[in-house]
Amino acid sequence: MQQTKLIFASHNANKTAEIAKLLPNNWLVNSLNDIAYHSEIIEDGLTLQANALIKARTIFEATQCNCFADDTGLMVDALNGNPGVLSARFAGPEKNSDNNNKKLLQDLAGQENRKAHFSTFICLILDGNIHFFEGRMDGQITLSPSGGNGFGYDPIFMPVGSNRTLAEMSMEEKNAISHRAKAFEKMKLFLENLK
């Protein structure tokens, strides 16, 4: 089968592997490491959608290759939608997941309303045309971290209808319900229907 290269505007090997499993087999997903792109992309958009576009457009302009980028945020009701677009840098610019989780749990200390949702926006640039896909997962923030799988806020996020955090689920279980999986399912259908 002839595979078409699609660059994922991320250095994250875990995310690249997760996403490669979600897309049709005729698309070969390369990370920025795979193409030796090491420049930092400044994500200064005010929304997840804007940041996804910034990343995808930067890589498209640098490579002239089909590419996509995603941006995901955790929106917590009691924190007025924060950390939101700053989710990865919530506790500081070093993007440390443990510190982000600790800060979020501290900010929610004593708070009864622990409702939250993840949103993912994908920007796909295919033959110079821009397409967006969105996914969402509702849930709540737990009182303490649990589980060793996944990454980011997975240890403290429990989806609606589950009694386990995302970090207590296998990748297959998580992919069946996650915001990212929902967004990529939309992108997969789009790619499958291309003529």
Protein backbone atom coordinates (compact mmCIF):
# COMPACT_ATOMS: atom_id res chain seq x y z
CA MET A 1 0.00 0.00 0.00
CA GLN A 2 1.30 3.43 -0.96
CA GLN A 3 1.54 5.62 2.14
CA THR A 4 1.15 9.39 2.03
CA LYS A 5 3.33 11.31 4.48
CA LEU A 6 1.58 13.55 6.94
CA ILE A 7 3.67 15.60 9.36
CA PHE A 8 2.35 16.00 12.89
CA ALA A 9 3.52 19.33 14.32
CA SER A 10 4.69 17.85 17.62
CA HIS A 11 7.89 16.53 19.19
CA ASN A 12 5.86 14.30 21.53
CA ALA A 13 6.55 10.65 20.64
CA ASN A 14 3.70 9.40 22.88
CA LYS A 15 1.13 11.58 21.16
CA THR A 16 2.48 10.70 17.70
CA ALA A 17 2.16 6.97 18.41
CA GLU A 18 -1.32 7.43 19.86
CA ILE A 19 -2.49 9.42 16.84
CA ALA A 20 -0.86 7.16 14.23
CA LYS A 21 -3.08 4.33 15.53
CA LEU A 22 -6.19 6.48 15.01
CA LEU A 23 -5.63 7.40 11.36
CA PRO A 24 -6.09 5.34 8.16
CA ASN A 25 -3.20 2.99 7.32
CA ASN A 26 -2.41 4.73 4.04
CA TRP A 27 -1.22 7.82 5.93
CA LEU A 28 2.29 7.72 7.40
CA VAL A 29 2.50 10.04 10.41
CA ASN A 30 5.88 11.70 11.03
CA SER A 31 6.65 13.78 14.11
CA LEU A 32 8.85 16.88 14.03
CA ASN A 33 11.67 14.70 15.39
CA ASP A 34 11.27 12.36 12.40
CA ILE A 35 11.89 15.25 10.00
CA ALA A 36 14.62 16.82 12.19
CA TYR A 37 12.63 20.01 12.82
CA HIS A 38 13.83 21.32 16.17
CA SER A 39 12.86 25.00 16.17
CA GLU A 40 10.37 26.03 18.84
CA ILE A 41 6.97 27.16 17.58
CA ILE A 42 5.63 30.10 19.56
CA GLU A 43 2.02 29.31 20.48
CA ASP A 44 0.70 32.78 21.26
CA GLY A 45 -2.88 32.30 20.08
CA LEU A 46 -5.72 33.20 22.44
CA THR A 47 -7.67 30.02 21.64
CA LEU A 48 -6.91 26.35 21.07
CA GLN A 49 -8.04 26.73 17.45
CA ALA A 50 -5.65 29.65 16.90
CA ASN A 51 -2.71 27.72 18.36
CA ALA A 52 -3.43 24.66 16.21
CA LEU A 53 -3.45 26.91 13.14
CA ILE A 54 -0.18 28.62 14.16
CA LYS A 55 1.59 25.27 14.55
CA ALA A 56 0.24 23.73 11.34
CA ARG A 57 0.91 26.84 9.26
CA THR A 58 4.49 27.12 10.61
CA ILE A 59 5.29 23.54 9.59
CA PHE A 60 3.54 23.82 6.24
CA GLU A 61 5.48 26.98 5.40
CA ALA A 62 8.76 25.35 6.48
CA THR A 63 8.26 22.03 4.63
CA GLN A 64 5.53 22.56 2.00
CA CYS A 65 4.27 19.13 3.14
CA ASN A 66 0.80 18.08 4.21
CA CYS A 67 0.66 18.46 7.97
CA PHE A 68 -1.56 18.81 10.98
CA ALA A 69 -1.34 20.18 14.48
CA ASP A 70 -3.56 19.90 17.50
CA ASP A 71 -4.01 21.94 20.61
CA THR A 72 -5.74 20.60 23.66
CA GLY A 73 -6.87 22.36 26.77
CA LEU A 74 -8.48 21.45 30.06
CA MET A 75 -11.31 23.79 31.02
CA VAL A 76 -12.34 23.71 34.70
CA ASP A 77 -15.72 25.25 35.51
CA ALA A 78 -14.78 26.52 38.98
CA LEU A 79 -11.65 28.21 37.56
CA ASN A 80 -13.60 30.13 34.90
CA GLY A 81 -12.40 27.81 32.14
CA ASN A 82 -8.76 27.82 33.20
CA PRO A 83 -6.15 26.47 32.61
CA GLY A 84 -7.58 26.41 29.07
CA VAL A 85 -5.16 27.56 26.40
CA LEU A 86 -2.37 27.63 29.02
CA SER A 87 -2.91 23.99 30.11
CA ALA A 88 0.60 22.80 29.23
CA ARG A 89 2.22 25.80 30.96
CA PHE A 90 -0.21 26.12 33.88
CA ALA A 91 2.47 25.81 36.58
CA GLY A 92 5.24 27.44 34.55
CA PRO A 93 7.02 27.53 31.18
CA GLU A 94 8.80 24.18 31.71
CA LYS A 95 5.53 22.32 30.93
CA ASN A 96 5.87 19.88 33.84
CA SER A 97 2.77 17.65 34.10
CA ASP A 98 3.27 16.78 37.79
CA ASN A 99 3.56 20.46 38.72
CA ASN A 100 0.51 21.32 36.58
CA ASN A 101 -1.52 18.63 38.35
CA LYS A 102 -0.39 19.79 41.80
CA LYS A 103 -1.25 23.42 41.02
CA LEU A 104 -4.68 22.48 39.70
CA LEU A 105 -5.48 20.37 42.77
CA GLN A 106 -4.30 23.22 45.03
CA ASP A 107 -6.44 25.75 43.14
CA LEU A 108 -9.47 23.47 43.57
CA ALA A 109 -8.86 22.73 47.27
CA GLY A 110 -12.20 22.90 49.11
CA GLN A 111 -14.11 23.40 45.87
CA GLU A 112 -17.24 21.24 45.50
CA ASN A 113 -17.77 21.93 41.81
CA ARG A 114 -15.07 19.87 40.11
CA LYS A 115 -16.66 19.71 36.65
CA ALA A 116 -14.24 20.05 33.76
CA HIS A 117 -13.87 19.18 30.10
CA PHE A 118 -11.08 18.60 27.65
CA SER A 119 -11.26 20.14 24.19
CA THR A 120 -9.03 19.32 21.23
CA PHE A 121 -8.81 21.32 18.03
CA ILE A 122 -6.98 19.92 15.02
CA CYS A 123 -5.82 22.03 12.11
CA LEU A 124 -5.07 19.98 8.98
CA ILE A 125 -3.36 21.61 6.02
CA LEU A 126 -3.80 19.43 2.97
CA ASP A 127 -2.62 20.66 -0.42
CA GLY A 128 -2.60 24.17 1.02
CA ASN A 129 -6.22 24.01 2.22
CA ILE A 130 -7.02 24.44 5.92
CA HIS A 131 -9.50 22.18 7.74
CA PHE A 132 -10.50 22.15 11.44
CA PHE A 133 -11.82 19.28 13.57
CA GLU A 134 -12.95 19.44 17.21
CA GLY A 135 -13.47 16.90 19.99
CA ARG A 136 -14.66 17.24 23.59
CA MET A 137 -14.78 15.02 26.68
CA ASP A 138 -16.65 15.96 29.86
CA GLY A 139 -15.72 14.82 33.34
CA GLN A 140 -14.45 16.01 36.68
CA ILE A 141 -11.20 16.63 38.51
CA THR A 142 -10.45 14.01 41.18
CA LEU A 143 -9.21 14.81 44.69
CA SER A 144 -5.82 13.18 44.07
CA PRO A 145 -3.84 11.62 41.19
CA SER A 146 -4.42 7.97 40.32
CA GLY A 147 -3.01 5.68 37.63
CA GLY A 148 0.25 5.43 35.72
CA ASN A 149 -0.84 5.50 32.08
CA GLY A 150 -1.32 8.43 29.73
CA PHE A 151 0.19 11.86 30.21
CA GLY A 152 -0.69 15.43 31.18
CA TYR A 153 -3.78 15.75 33.36
CA ASP A 154 -4.83 12.11 32.82
CA PRO A 155 -4.16 11.08 36.48
CA ILE A 156 -6.65 13.64 37.86
CA PHE A 157 -9.38 13.58 35.19
CA MET A 158 -12.30 11.17 35.51
CA PRO A 159 -14.63 11.09 32.48
CA VAL A 160 -18.39 11.20 32.88
CA GLY A 161 -19.76 7.67 33.36
CA SER A 162 -16.45 6.23 34.59
CA ASN A 163 -15.10 5.49 38.06
CA ARG A 164 -11.50 5.54 36.82
CA THR A 165 -9.18 8.34 35.74
CA LEU A 166 -7.80 8.44 32.21
CA ALA A 167 -4.44 7.34 33.65
CA GLU A 168 -6.09 4.16 34.97
CA MET A 169 -7.29 3.21 31.48
CA SER A 170 -5.44 1.44 28.70
CA MET A 171 -4.67 3.45 25.55
CA GLU A 172 -7.44 1.54 23.78
CA GLU A 173 -10.00 2.43 26.46
CA LYS A 174 -8.92 6.05 26.45
CA ASN A 175 -9.00 6.27 22.65
CA ALA A 176 -12.59 5.02 22.65
CA ILE A 177 -13.82 8.08 24.56
CA SER A 178 -11.19 10.85 24.54
CA HIS A 179 -11.55 14.36 23.17
CA ARG A 180 -8.47 13.81 21.02
CA ALA A 181 -9.86 10.54 19.65
CA LYS A 182 -13.17 12.23 18.79
CA ALA A 183 -11.39 15.02 16.92
CA PHE A 184 -9.13 12.56 15.10
CA GLU A 185 -12.09 10.33 14.25
CA LYS A 186 -13.56 13.33 12.40
CA MET A 187 -10.23 13.88 10.64
CA LYS A 188 -9.98 10.16 9.82
CA LEU A 189 -13.42 10.18 8.20
CA PHE A 190 -12.42 13.25 6.22
CA LEU A 191 -9.20 11.57 5.01
CA GLU A 192 -11.03 8.35 4.15
CA ASN A 193 -13.54 10.23 2.02
CA LEU A 194 -10.91 12.07 -0.02
CA LYS A 195 -11.13 11.30 -3.72
